[in-house]
Amino acid sequence: MVETPTLPPLPGEAEAERRILGILIKHPEQVDVVLEAITPEHFMDPVLRQIFQIVVDLYTAGQRVSYTQVYTQLRLRTQVPEPEALLAGLTESFISLGELVPSMEVLLENSARRKLLAAAREIARLASEGTGLVPGTGGRPGAAIAALQARAQQLIMEAVSVRGTAQEDITDLLTVLNRCYAKLVDRREGKASAYGLSVRYPSVDLMTTGLQPRDLIVLAARPSMGKTSLALNFAVNVAKRGIPVLIFSLEMDAEQIGDRLVVSELFGHRKDGRPLVTAQEYAGKLTDEQFEIVKGAFNELFPLPIYLVDRRGLSVTEIRAKARKFHAAHPDTGLIIIDYLQLIRAVAVPGRTWAMQVGDIVRELRDMAGELNVPLILLSQLNRGVEAREDKRPLLSDLRDSGNIEEFADVVIMLYRDDYYNPEKARENGTEGQVEVIFAKQRRGRTGKVLLRWIPEFTRFIDEVPAPGVGGGEVTHGQAAS
């Protein structure tokens, strides 16, 4: 076992413990304040820890906390020599009540340091002995070290998430309303900070007021509806503003995604309304002129802060570990995309069905979005039952594998293309390529649908913005999002 040096006594710790106890004995009305943040485990001196436990027990039993009561219990529970002198020294260890919160901060900070030390010791033990790793690696090459890395990151995140301040968890309504009012003023003044992350599709942004940090957004559709393309369009539009985007592709490799991005970018290279290079031409041998145009598209994409993970068979633990590592290196990360839910490897747990495991995965991904404070777009398939209905527009009940997907998602977006199911009718009605983007659930906003135009050759969506003063379903064709 790897030996890790013990943490030396921390400055001011013993004095802080004594001051807290002295204040509680002389000012028992402060017990509520202390119990909001401090537990007996925060006391390192075993005798002082016992005294604090006596105070807690008296308080929870509804008895009066006083010098006499603490003295009596101390005599009954311990063999402390000269308890009178000990308690008298505690009551004389502070000057004013103003010393309470700073003393609590000392204990909390030292506790956080010890949590980090314990995490470091455990990581050293795991690395040295190779024991206690995450189960279910299945003997895959590199699985053991991947599990070790994931467990190490988990231990560190748990350690750093320990509260290190005596912060107040209860917020009064006035404080909440002040925050709401400040955001209202920011929106009135048009400040970008008042909104979530724009994906630069006006109709979508209007529905969401931007993708919100900590939200899990499920983007679901049947195959061939364009959900991966829409997610990639979102990613490019975000990255073009210098905001890092992390994409987990569990289906396509990185080069396939790269080619898709280039082809999509070529949609903007047009003359007289016609593309200068088609997707089919890009896949073949280009002329010198076409090659220069494609080079231009590459140059537009080169600086974008888009990062790809294209390993198949990742578990949610591995995804979380990679996302944490990326976020630590890029703290300004604006968006994470996972394509797609049903390809995430579930760790076999006896007695849990596949639907239950999918629910666990979705819950953990939502927790990850909250932990990293970024919106997370999770692509998902829909049940085949959609195909059996006359009206094939998707419903929340069509989410594949688990009702927990709907429960844990903050936003559920579904795609529907009528031309996929009724091509003749779509040609007659002029709705070929029209995609209904259905907002089936929004915790923060309204449900409904908007229309986008799908350009399959370029895997590109463009907005269809209602013309001013035009009602019903009539639309005008917007420019490609950028």
Protein backbone atom coordinates (compact mmCIF):
# COMPACT_ATOMS: atom_id res chain seq x y z
CA MET A 1 0.00 0.00 0.00
CA VAL A 2 1.27 3.47 -0.86
CA GLU A 3 2.06 5.49 2.23
CA THR A 4 0.71 9.04 2.19
CA PRO A 5 1.99 11.49 4.78
CA THR A 6 -0.61 12.54 7.32
CA LEU A 7 -1.89 16.09 7.35
CA PRO A 8 -0.12 18.15 10.01
CA PRO A 9 -2.18 20.07 12.57
CA LEU A 10 -3.89 22.92 10.77
CA PRO A 11 -3.44 26.50 11.99
CA GLY A 12 -6.10 27.77 14.36
CA GLU A 13 -8.08 24.53 14.38
CA ALA A 14 -8.05 23.79 18.13
CA GLU A 15 -8.79 27.43 18.97
CA ALA A 16 -11.71 27.51 16.50
CA GLU A 17 -13.24 24.36 18.01
CA ARG A 18 -12.98 25.84 21.51
CA ARG A 19 -14.49 29.17 20.47
CA ILE A 20 -17.50 27.49 18.83
CA LEU A 21 -18.24 25.42 21.92
CA GLY A 22 -17.75 28.37 24.25
CA ILE A 23 -20.19 30.48 22.24
CA LEU A 24 -22.79 27.69 22.15
CA ILE A 25 -22.63 27.20 25.93
CA LYS A 26 -23.01 30.91 26.68
CA HIS A 27 -25.27 31.73 23.70
CA PRO A 28 -27.38 28.60 23.04
CA GLU A 29 -29.62 30.56 20.66
CA GLN A 30 -26.75 30.19 18.13
CA VAL A 31 -27.12 26.39 17.95
CA ASP A 32 -29.33 26.67 14.84
CA VAL A 33 -26.67 28.71 13.05
CA VAL A 34 -23.95 26.19 13.81
CA LEU A 35 -25.95 23.06 13.00
CA GLU A 36 -26.65 24.43 9.51
CA ALA A 37 -23.03 23.71 8.59
CA ILE A 38 -21.15 21.90 11.37
CA THR A 39 -21.39 18.27 12.49
CA PRO A 40 -19.46 16.40 15.21
CA GLU A 41 -17.17 15.00 12.48
CA HIS A 42 -15.79 18.51 11.91
CA PHE A 43 -14.16 18.42 15.37
CA MET A 44 -10.73 16.78 15.45
CA ASP A 45 -10.21 16.91 19.23
CA PRO A 46 -12.08 13.82 20.55
CA VAL A 47 -13.06 15.48 23.85
CA LEU A 48 -14.34 18.62 22.13
CA ARG A 49 -16.21 16.42 19.65
CA GLN A 50 -17.96 14.71 22.58
CA ILE A 51 -18.94 18.07 24.06
CA PHE A 52 -20.36 19.20 20.71
CA GLN A 53 -22.32 15.94 20.49
CA ILE A 54 -23.76 16.65 23.96
CA VAL A 55 -24.90 20.09 22.75
CA VAL A 56 -26.51 18.52 19.67
CA ASP A 57 -28.27 15.85 21.74
CA LEU A 58 -29.63 18.39 24.22
CA TYR A 59 -30.88 20.56 21.37
CA THR A 60 -32.55 17.75 19.41
CA ALA A 61 -34.20 16.44 22.60
CA GLY A 62 -35.73 19.86 23.18
CA GLN A 63 -33.77 20.42 26.38
CA ARG A 64 -32.10 23.65 27.39
CA VAL A 65 -28.44 23.98 26.39
CA SER A 66 -26.64 25.44 29.39
CA TYR A 67 -23.36 25.20 31.27
CA THR A 68 -25.03 23.03 33.95
CA GLN A 69 -26.64 20.62 31.45
CA VAL A 70 -23.44 20.21 29.44
CA TYR A 71 -21.42 19.70 32.64
CA THR A 72 -23.86 17.02 33.89
CA GLN A 73 -23.83 15.10 30.61
CA LEU A 74 -20.06 15.38 30.35
CA ARG A 75 -19.69 13.78 33.78
CA LEU A 76 -22.14 11.00 32.85
CA ARG A 77 -20.71 10.15 29.44
CA THR A 78 -16.96 10.61 29.79
CA GLN A 79 -14.06 10.26 32.17
CA VAL A 80 -12.68 13.70 31.39
CA PRO A 81 -10.53 14.93 34.32
CA GLU A 82 -11.54 18.28 35.76
CA PRO A 83 -14.59 18.94 33.55
CA GLU A 84 -15.27 22.19 35.43
CA ALA A 85 -11.94 23.68 34.36
CA LEU A 86 -12.43 22.44 30.79
CA LEU A 87 -15.87 24.05 30.41
CA ALA A 88 -14.77 27.24 32.15
CA GLY A 89 -11.88 27.51 29.71
CA LEU A 90 -14.27 27.09 26.77
CA THR A 91 -16.58 29.86 27.93
CA GLU A 92 -13.57 32.18 28.23
CA SER A 93 -12.14 31.27 24.80
CA PHE A 94 -13.97 33.96 22.82
CA ILE A 95 -14.47 37.69 23.04
CA SER A 96 -17.62 38.29 20.97
CA LEU A 97 -20.29 36.54 18.92
CA GLY A 98 -18.61 37.93 15.81
CA GLU A 99 -16.03 35.16 16.14
CA LEU A 100 -18.58 32.39 15.52
CA VAL A 101 -18.82 32.38 11.71
CA PRO A 102 -15.04 32.79 11.12
CA SER A 103 -14.44 29.87 13.49
CA MET A 104 -16.97 27.76 11.59
CA GLU A 105 -15.19 28.64 8.34
CA VAL A 106 -11.92 27.33 9.78
CA LEU A 107 -13.51 23.95 10.60
CA LEU A 108 -15.20 23.69 7.22
CA GLU A 109 -12.05 24.57 5.30
CA ASN A 110 -9.97 22.07 7.25
CA SER A 111 -12.60 19.40 6.70
CA ALA A 112 -12.45 20.04 2.95
CA ARG A 113 -8.66 19.68 3.04
CA ARG A 114 -8.96 16.34 4.80
CA LYS A 115 -11.48 15.16 2.20
CA LEU A 116 -8.96 15.93 -0.53
CA LEU A 117 -6.24 14.10 1.38
CA ALA A 118 -8.50 11.06 1.82
CA ALA A 119 -9.29 11.11 -1.92
CA ALA A 120 -5.57 11.28 -2.74
CA ARG A 121 -4.86 8.33 -0.45
CA GLU A 122 -7.63 6.25 -2.01
CA ILE A 123 -6.44 7.07 -5.53
CA ALA A 124 -2.89 6.05 -4.55
CA ARG A 125 -4.22 2.79 -3.12
CA LEU A 126 -6.26 2.01 -6.23
CA ALA A 127 -3.35 2.75 -8.54
CA SER A 128 -0.98 0.64 -6.43
CA GLU A 129 -3.22 -2.35 -5.74
CA GLY A 130 -5.71 -2.22 -8.61
CA THR A 131 -8.59 -3.02 -6.27
CA GLY A 132 -12.01 -1.53 -5.81
CA LEU A 133 -12.42 -0.51 -9.44
CA VAL A 134 -15.70 0.11 -11.14
CA PRO A 135 -17.24 -3.28 -12.11
CA GLY A 136 -18.43 -4.28 -15.54
CA THR A 137 -15.31 -3.54 -17.59
CA GLY A 138 -15.72 -6.86 -19.34
CA GLY A 139 -12.02 -7.44 -19.87
CA ARG A 140 -11.81 -4.88 -22.69
CA PRO A 141 -8.31 -3.55 -23.49
CA GLY A 142 -7.65 -0.48 -21.37
CA ALA A 143 -10.87 -0.97 -19.44
CA ALA A 144 -9.14 -1.32 -16.08
CA ILE A 145 -7.18 1.92 -16.39
CA ALA A 146 -10.27 3.70 -17.77
CA ALA A 147 -12.23 2.54 -14.75
CA LEU A 148 -9.43 3.68 -12.46
CA GLN A 149 -9.35 7.11 -14.09
CA ALA A 150 -13.12 7.43 -13.81
CA ARG A 151 -13.05 6.41 -10.14
CA ALA A 152 -10.22 8.85 -9.44
CA GLN A 153 -12.14 11.71 -11.02
CA GLN A 154 -15.23 10.74 -9.06
CA LEU A 155 -13.30 10.78 -5.78
CA ILE A 156 -11.80 14.18 -6.53
CA MET A 157 -15.16 15.64 -7.59
CA GLU A 158 -16.78 14.32 -4.40
CA ALA A 159 -13.98 15.86 -2.35
CA VAL A 160 -14.12 19.27 -3.99
CA SER A 161 -17.92 19.35 -3.83
CA VAL A 162 -17.81 19.27 -0.02
CA ARG A 163 -19.06 22.57 1.28
CA GLY A 164 -16.16 24.70 2.39
CA THR A 165 -18.15 27.69 3.66
CA ALA A 166 -20.87 28.26 6.16
CA GLN A 167 -23.25 29.27 3.39
CA GLU A 168 -26.96 29.63 3.87
CA ASP A 169 -29.14 27.14 1.97
CA ILE A 170 -32.42 28.91 2.71
CA THR A 171 -33.11 31.93 0.50
CA ASP A 172 -35.88 34.40 1.21
CA LEU A 173 -38.36 35.38 -1.48
CA LEU A 174 -37.06 38.96 -1.62
CA THR A 175 -33.61 37.73 -2.65
CA VAL A 176 -35.09 35.44 -5.30
CA LEU A 177 -37.29 38.21 -6.71
CA ASN A 178 -34.33 40.60 -6.82
CA ARG A 179 -32.50 38.09 -9.02
CA CYS A 180 -35.56 37.69 -11.24
CA TYR A 181 -35.94 41.47 -11.51
CA ALA A 182 -32.27 41.88 -12.45
CA LYS A 183 -32.73 39.35 -15.26
CA LEU A 184 -35.91 41.15 -16.35
CA VAL A 185 -33.98 44.43 -16.63
CA ASP A 186 -31.17 42.66 -18.53
CA ARG A 187 -33.69 41.23 -21.00
CA ARG A 188 -35.31 44.65 -21.46
CA GLU A 189 -31.90 46.12 -22.20
CA GLY A 190 -31.12 43.30 -24.61
CA LYS A 191 -28.12 41.97 -22.73
CA ALA A 192 -26.95 38.57 -23.96
CA SER A 193 -26.35 37.40 -20.39
CA ALA A 194 -30.10 37.47 -19.76
CA TYR A 195 -30.67 34.54 -22.08
CA GLY A 196 -29.47 30.98 -22.43
CA LEU A 197 -27.20 29.63 -25.15
CA SER A 198 -28.42 30.66 -28.60
CA VAL A 199 -28.24 28.04 -31.36
CA ARG A 200 -28.78 30.76 -33.99
CA TYR A 201 -32.07 29.39 -35.28
CA PRO A 202 -34.45 32.26 -34.46
CA SER A 203 -37.58 30.12 -34.20
CA VAL A 204 -35.86 27.62 -31.90
CA ASP A 205 -34.28 30.35 -29.76
CA LEU A 206 -37.67 32.04 -29.48
CA MET A 207 -39.16 28.86 -28.03
CA THR A 208 -36.33 28.19 -25.57
CA THR A 209 -34.95 31.71 -24.90
CA GLY A 210 -31.66 29.87 -25.35
CA LEU A 211 -30.46 26.54 -23.99
CA GLN A 212 -30.14 26.87 -20.24
CA PRO A 213 -27.08 25.77 -18.22
CA ARG A 214 -27.64 22.56 -16.22
CA ASP A 215 -30.52 21.47 -18.50
CA LEU A 216 -30.81 18.05 -20.10
CA ILE A 217 -32.29 18.49 -23.59
CA VAL A 218 -33.46 15.27 -25.23
CA LEU A 219 -33.57 15.47 -29.03
CA ALA A 220 -35.56 12.46 -30.23
CA ALA A 221 -36.69 11.18 -33.62
CA ARG A 222 -37.08 8.10 -35.75
CA PRO A 223 -34.13 7.25 -38.04
CA SER A 224 -33.55 9.53 -41.07
CA MET A 225 -35.33 12.53 -39.54
CA GLY A 226 -32.06 14.46 -39.22
CA LYS A 227 -31.49 14.58 -35.47
CA THR A 228 -27.70 14.15 -35.72
CA SER A 229 -27.50 16.82 -38.42
CA LEU A 230 -29.54 19.28 -36.38
CA ALA A 231 -27.35 18.68 -33.33
CA LEU A 232 -24.22 19.26 -35.45
CA ASN A 233 -25.75 22.44 -36.90
CA PHE A 234 -26.33 23.63 -33.33
CA ALA A 235 -22.73 22.78 -32.44
CA VAL A 236 -21.25 24.75 -35.35
CA ASN A 237 -23.44 27.78 -34.67
CA VAL A 238 -22.34 27.79 -31.03
CA ALA A 239 -18.66 27.21 -31.83
CA LYS A 240 -18.62 30.05 -34.36
CA ARG A 241 -18.92 32.39 -31.39
CA GLY A 242 -15.78 30.91 -29.83
CA ILE A 243 -17.70 28.75 -27.34
CA PRO A 244 -16.20 25.25 -26.85
CA VAL A 245 -18.48 22.31 -27.71
CA LEU A 246 -17.84 18.68 -26.75
CA ILE A 247 -19.46 15.96 -28.88
CA PHE A 248 -19.65 12.28 -27.94
CA SER A 249 -20.35 10.31 -31.12
CA LEU A 250 -21.11 6.69 -30.28
CA GLU A 251 -22.28 5.87 -33.81
CA MET A 252 -20.16 7.76 -36.38
CA ASP A 253 -16.41 8.15 -36.32
CA ALA A 254 -14.76 11.55 -36.17
CA GLU A 255 -13.92 11.64 -39.88
CA GLN A 256 -17.55 11.04 -40.85
CA ILE A 257 -18.58 13.94 -38.63
CA GLY A 258 -15.81 16.08 -40.11
CA ASP A 259 -17.03 15.41 -43.64
CA ARG A 260 -20.59 16.23 -42.58
CA LEU A 261 -19.47 19.55 -41.16
CA VAL A 262 -17.58 20.43 -44.34
CA VAL A 263 -20.53 19.50 -46.57
CA SER A 264 -22.87 21.52 -44.39
CA GLU A 265 -20.54 24.50 -44.59
CA LEU A 266 -20.45 24.21 -48.40
CA PHE A 267 -24.16 25.06 -48.42
CA GLY A 268 -23.17 28.68 -47.84
CA HIS A 269 -20.91 28.74 -50.91
CA ARG A 270 -23.45 29.51 -53.63
CA LYS A 271 -23.77 31.56 -56.78
CA ASP A 272 -27.11 32.61 -58.24
CA GLY A 273 -28.79 30.36 -55.68
CA ARG A 274 -26.87 27.26 -56.80
CA PRO A 275 -24.17 25.46 -54.79
CA LEU A 276 -20.65 25.86 -56.15
CA VAL A 277 -19.74 22.38 -54.89
CA THR A 278 -22.36 19.69 -54.23
CA ALA A 279 -22.05 16.95 -51.65
CA GLN A 280 -21.68 14.41 -54.44
CA GLU A 281 -18.87 16.42 -56.00
CA TYR A 282 -17.13 16.78 -52.64
CA ALA A 283 -17.07 12.98 -52.34
CA GLY A 284 -15.40 12.67 -55.75
CA LYS A 285 -12.47 14.23 -57.60
CA LEU A 286 -12.67 18.03 -57.50
CA THR A 287 -11.62 20.50 -60.16
CA ASP A 288 -9.02 23.10 -59.21
CA GLU A 289 -11.72 25.72 -58.79
CA GLN A 290 -13.86 23.41 -56.67
CA PHE A 291 -10.85 22.46 -54.56
CA GLU A 292 -10.22 26.11 -53.71
CA ILE A 293 -13.87 26.52 -52.66
CA VAL A 294 -13.66 23.44 -50.43
CA LYS A 295 -10.41 24.75 -48.94
CA GLY A 296 -12.33 27.88 -48.03
CA ALA A 297 -14.91 25.78 -46.18
CA PHE A 298 -12.13 23.98 -44.33
CA ASN A 299 -10.56 27.30 -43.36
CA GLU A 300 -13.87 28.45 -41.92
CA LEU A 301 -14.09 25.32 -39.76
CA PHE A 302 -10.45 25.03 -38.67
CA PRO A 303 -10.63 27.56 -35.80
CA LEU A 304 -13.90 26.27 -34.34
CA PRO A 305 -13.55 24.93 -30.75
CA ILE A 306 -15.40 21.68 -31.42
CA TYR A 307 -13.99 18.56 -29.76
CA LEU A 308 -14.96 14.99 -30.60
CA VAL A 309 -14.98 11.68 -28.74
CA ASP A 310 -15.80 8.90 -31.20
CA ARG A 311 -15.23 5.79 -29.07
CA ARG A 312 -18.05 3.29 -29.26
CA GLY A 313 -19.35 1.39 -26.27
CA LEU A 314 -18.67 4.09 -23.68
CA SER A 315 -20.43 3.76 -20.34
CA VAL A 316 -22.00 6.74 -18.63
CA THR A 317 -19.16 6.60 -16.07
CA GLU A 318 -16.58 6.93 -18.85
CA ILE A 319 -18.56 9.72 -20.52
CA ARG A 320 -18.75 11.59 -17.23
CA ALA A 321 -15.02 11.17 -16.60
CA LYS A 322 -14.12 12.48 -20.06
CA ALA A 323 -16.55 15.38 -19.76
CA ARG A 324 -15.11 16.35 -16.36
CA LYS A 325 -11.57 16.25 -17.73
CA PHE A 326 -12.55 18.33 -20.76
CA HIS A 327 -14.44 20.86 -18.64
CA ALA A 328 -11.45 21.23 -16.32
CA ALA A 329 -9.29 22.09 -19.34
CA HIS A 330 -12.03 24.25 -20.93
CA PRO A 331 -14.02 25.87 -18.11
CA ASP A 332 -15.90 28.02 -20.64
CA THR A 333 -17.46 24.94 -22.26
CA GLY A 334 -20.87 25.97 -23.57
CA LEU A 335 -22.48 22.76 -24.83
CA ILE A 336 -22.16 18.97 -24.64
CA ILE A 337 -23.82 16.67 -27.20
CA ILE A 338 -24.19 12.89 -26.91
CA ASP A 339 -25.22 10.86 -29.97
CA TYR A 340 -27.03 8.77 -28.88
CA LEU A 341 -28.63 7.41 -25.68
CA GLN A 342 -29.32 3.83 -26.75
CA LEU A 343 -25.64 3.29 -27.67
CA ILE A 344 -24.36 4.12 -24.19
CA ARG A 345 -23.13 0.91 -22.60
CA ALA A 346 -25.08 0.02 -19.47
CA VAL A 347 -23.22 -1.75 -16.66
CA ALA A 348 -25.05 -5.00 -15.92
CA VAL A 349 -26.68 -4.93 -12.50
CA PRO A 350 -28.56 -8.03 -11.31
CA GLY A 351 -32.28 -7.46 -10.96
CA ARG A 352 -32.41 -4.26 -13.04
CA THR A 353 -34.14 -4.30 -16.42
CA TRP A 354 -32.84 -2.51 -19.50
CA ALA A 355 -35.49 0.19 -19.08
CA MET A 356 -34.35 0.77 -15.48
CA GLN A 357 -30.72 0.96 -16.60
CA VAL A 358 -31.62 3.52 -19.28
CA GLY A 359 -33.38 5.54 -16.59
CA ASP A 360 -30.21 5.42 -14.48
CA ILE A 361 -28.13 6.63 -17.44
CA VAL A 362 -30.45 9.56 -18.13
CA ARG A 363 -30.49 10.57 -14.46
CA GLU A 364 -26.69 10.46 -14.27
CA LEU A 365 -26.36 12.55 -17.44
CA ARG A 366 -28.72 15.15 -16.01
CA ASP A 367 -26.63 15.20 -12.85
CA MET A 368 -23.55 15.69 -15.04
CA ALA A 369 -25.14 18.68 -16.79
CA GLY A 370 -25.84 20.19 -13.39
CA GLU A 371 -22.37 19.45 -12.08
CA LEU A 372 -20.64 21.03 -15.09
CA ASN A 373 -23.22 23.83 -15.39
CA VAL A 374 -23.72 23.38 -19.16
CA PRO A 375 -26.69 22.43 -21.34
CA LEU A 376 -26.45 18.82 -22.50
CA ILE A 377 -28.19 17.64 -25.67
CA LEU A 378 -28.88 13.91 -25.57
CA LEU A 379 -30.03 12.33 -28.81
CA SER A 380 -32.48 9.45 -28.54
CA GLN A 381 -34.40 7.07 -30.74
CA LEU A 382 -38.16 6.71 -30.66
CA ASN A 383 -40.16 3.51 -30.43
CA ARG A 384 -41.18 1.72 -33.61
CA GLY A 385 -44.78 2.06 -32.45
CA VAL A 386 -44.79 5.45 -34.17
CA GLU A 387 -44.84 3.66 -37.52
CA ALA A 388 -48.04 1.78 -36.66
CA ARG A 389 -50.13 4.93 -36.14
CA GLU A 390 -51.95 6.79 -38.86
CA ASP A 391 -50.62 10.10 -37.54
CA LYS A 392 -46.92 9.46 -37.17
CA ARG A 393 -46.09 12.65 -35.32
CA PRO A 394 -44.14 11.57 -32.24
CA LEU A 395 -45.48 11.80 -28.69
CA LEU A 396 -43.72 11.76 -25.35
CA SER A 397 -44.93 8.20 -24.87
CA ASP A 398 -42.85 7.21 -27.92
CA LEU A 399 -39.54 7.81 -26.13
CA ARG A 400 -37.75 4.52 -26.42
CA ASP A 401 -36.87 2.22 -23.50
CA SER A 402 -37.91 4.26 -20.47
CA GLY A 403 -40.48 6.70 -19.20
CA ASN A 404 -37.66 8.03 -17.05
CA ILE A 405 -36.32 9.82 -20.12
CA GLU A 406 -39.35 12.09 -20.05
CA GLU A 407 -39.19 12.41 -16.26
CA PHE A 408 -35.56 13.52 -16.05
CA ALA A 409 -35.41 15.65 -19.21
CA ASP A 410 -35.80 19.41 -18.82
CA VAL A 411 -36.63 19.81 -22.52
CA VAL A 412 -37.84 17.20 -25.00
CA ILE A 413 -37.59 18.10 -28.70
CA MET A 414 -38.94 15.75 -31.38
CA LEU A 415 -38.55 15.89 -35.15
CA TYR A 416 -41.18 14.99 -37.74
CA ARG A 417 -40.96 15.12 -41.55
CA ASP A 418 -44.19 14.54 -43.40
CA ASP A 419 -42.33 14.09 -46.70
CA TYR A 420 -40.65 10.99 -45.24
CA TYR A 421 -44.00 9.24 -44.77
CA ASN A 422 -46.09 10.97 -47.47
CA PRO A 423 -43.70 12.06 -50.26
CA GLU A 424 -46.42 12.46 -52.90
CA LYS A 425 -48.58 14.60 -50.65
CA ALA A 426 -45.57 16.70 -49.64
CA ARG A 427 -44.70 17.38 -53.29
CA GLU A 428 -48.27 18.46 -53.99
CA ASN A 429 -48.36 20.73 -50.94
CA GLY A 430 -44.87 22.14 -51.43
CA THR A 431 -43.73 20.91 -48.01
CA GLU A 432 -40.83 18.75 -49.15
CA GLY A 433 -37.98 19.14 -46.69
CA GLN A 434 -40.19 20.81 -44.09
CA VAL A 435 -39.41 19.58 -40.59
CA GLU A 436 -41.63 20.05 -37.59
CA VAL A 437 -39.49 20.70 -34.52
CA ILE A 438 -41.89 19.72 -31.75
CA PHE A 439 -41.24 21.01 -28.24
CA ALA A 440 -43.09 18.28 -26.37
CA LYS A 441 -41.82 19.32 -22.93
CA GLN A 442 -40.19 22.42 -21.47
CA ARG A 443 -39.84 22.99 -17.76
CA ARG A 444 -39.12 26.68 -18.30
CA GLY A 445 -41.32 27.50 -21.27
CA ARG A 446 -44.22 26.67 -23.49
CA THR A 447 -44.71 23.64 -25.68
CA GLY A 448 -45.47 23.84 -29.37
CA LYS A 449 -43.69 23.50 -32.67
CA VAL A 450 -41.61 25.48 -35.14
CA LEU A 451 -40.68 24.76 -38.72
CA LEU A 452 -37.23 24.26 -40.19
CA ARG A 453 -36.28 23.41 -43.76
CA TRP A 454 -34.14 20.28 -44.22
CA ILE A 455 -31.55 20.30 -47.03
CA PRO A 456 -30.57 16.59 -47.04
CA GLU A 457 -27.79 16.88 -49.62
CA PHE A 458 -25.92 19.27 -47.31
CA THR A 459 -27.17 17.81 -43.99
CA ARG A 460 -28.23 21.36 -43.23
CA PHE A 461 -31.26 22.92 -41.60
CA ILE A 462 -32.37 26.47 -42.33
CA ASP A 463 -34.99 28.45 -40.46
CA GLU A 464 -38.46 29.12 -41.76
CA VAL A 465 -39.51 32.33 -40.06
CA PRO A 466 -43.18 33.43 -40.12
CA ALA A 467 -43.49 36.55 -42.25
CA PRO A 468 -44.61 39.68 -40.37
CA GLY A 469 -48.38 39.82 -40.27
CA VAL A 470 -48.77 36.38 -41.81
CA GLY A 471 -50.88 33.93 -39.85
CA GLY A 472 -51.47 30.21 -39.99
CA GLY A 473 -48.85 27.95 -41.50
CA GLU A 474 -47.59 30.32 -44.18
CA VAL A 475 -43.86 30.86 -43.92
CA THR A 476 -41.05 32.70 -45.58
CA HIS A 477 -37.68 31.11 -46.18
CA GLY A 478 -34.95 32.35 -43.87
CA GLN A 479 -31.24 32.32 -44.54
CA ALA A 480 -29.05 29.46 -43.43
CA ALA A 481 -28.18 29.76 -39.78
CA SER A 482 -24.69 30.93 -39.04
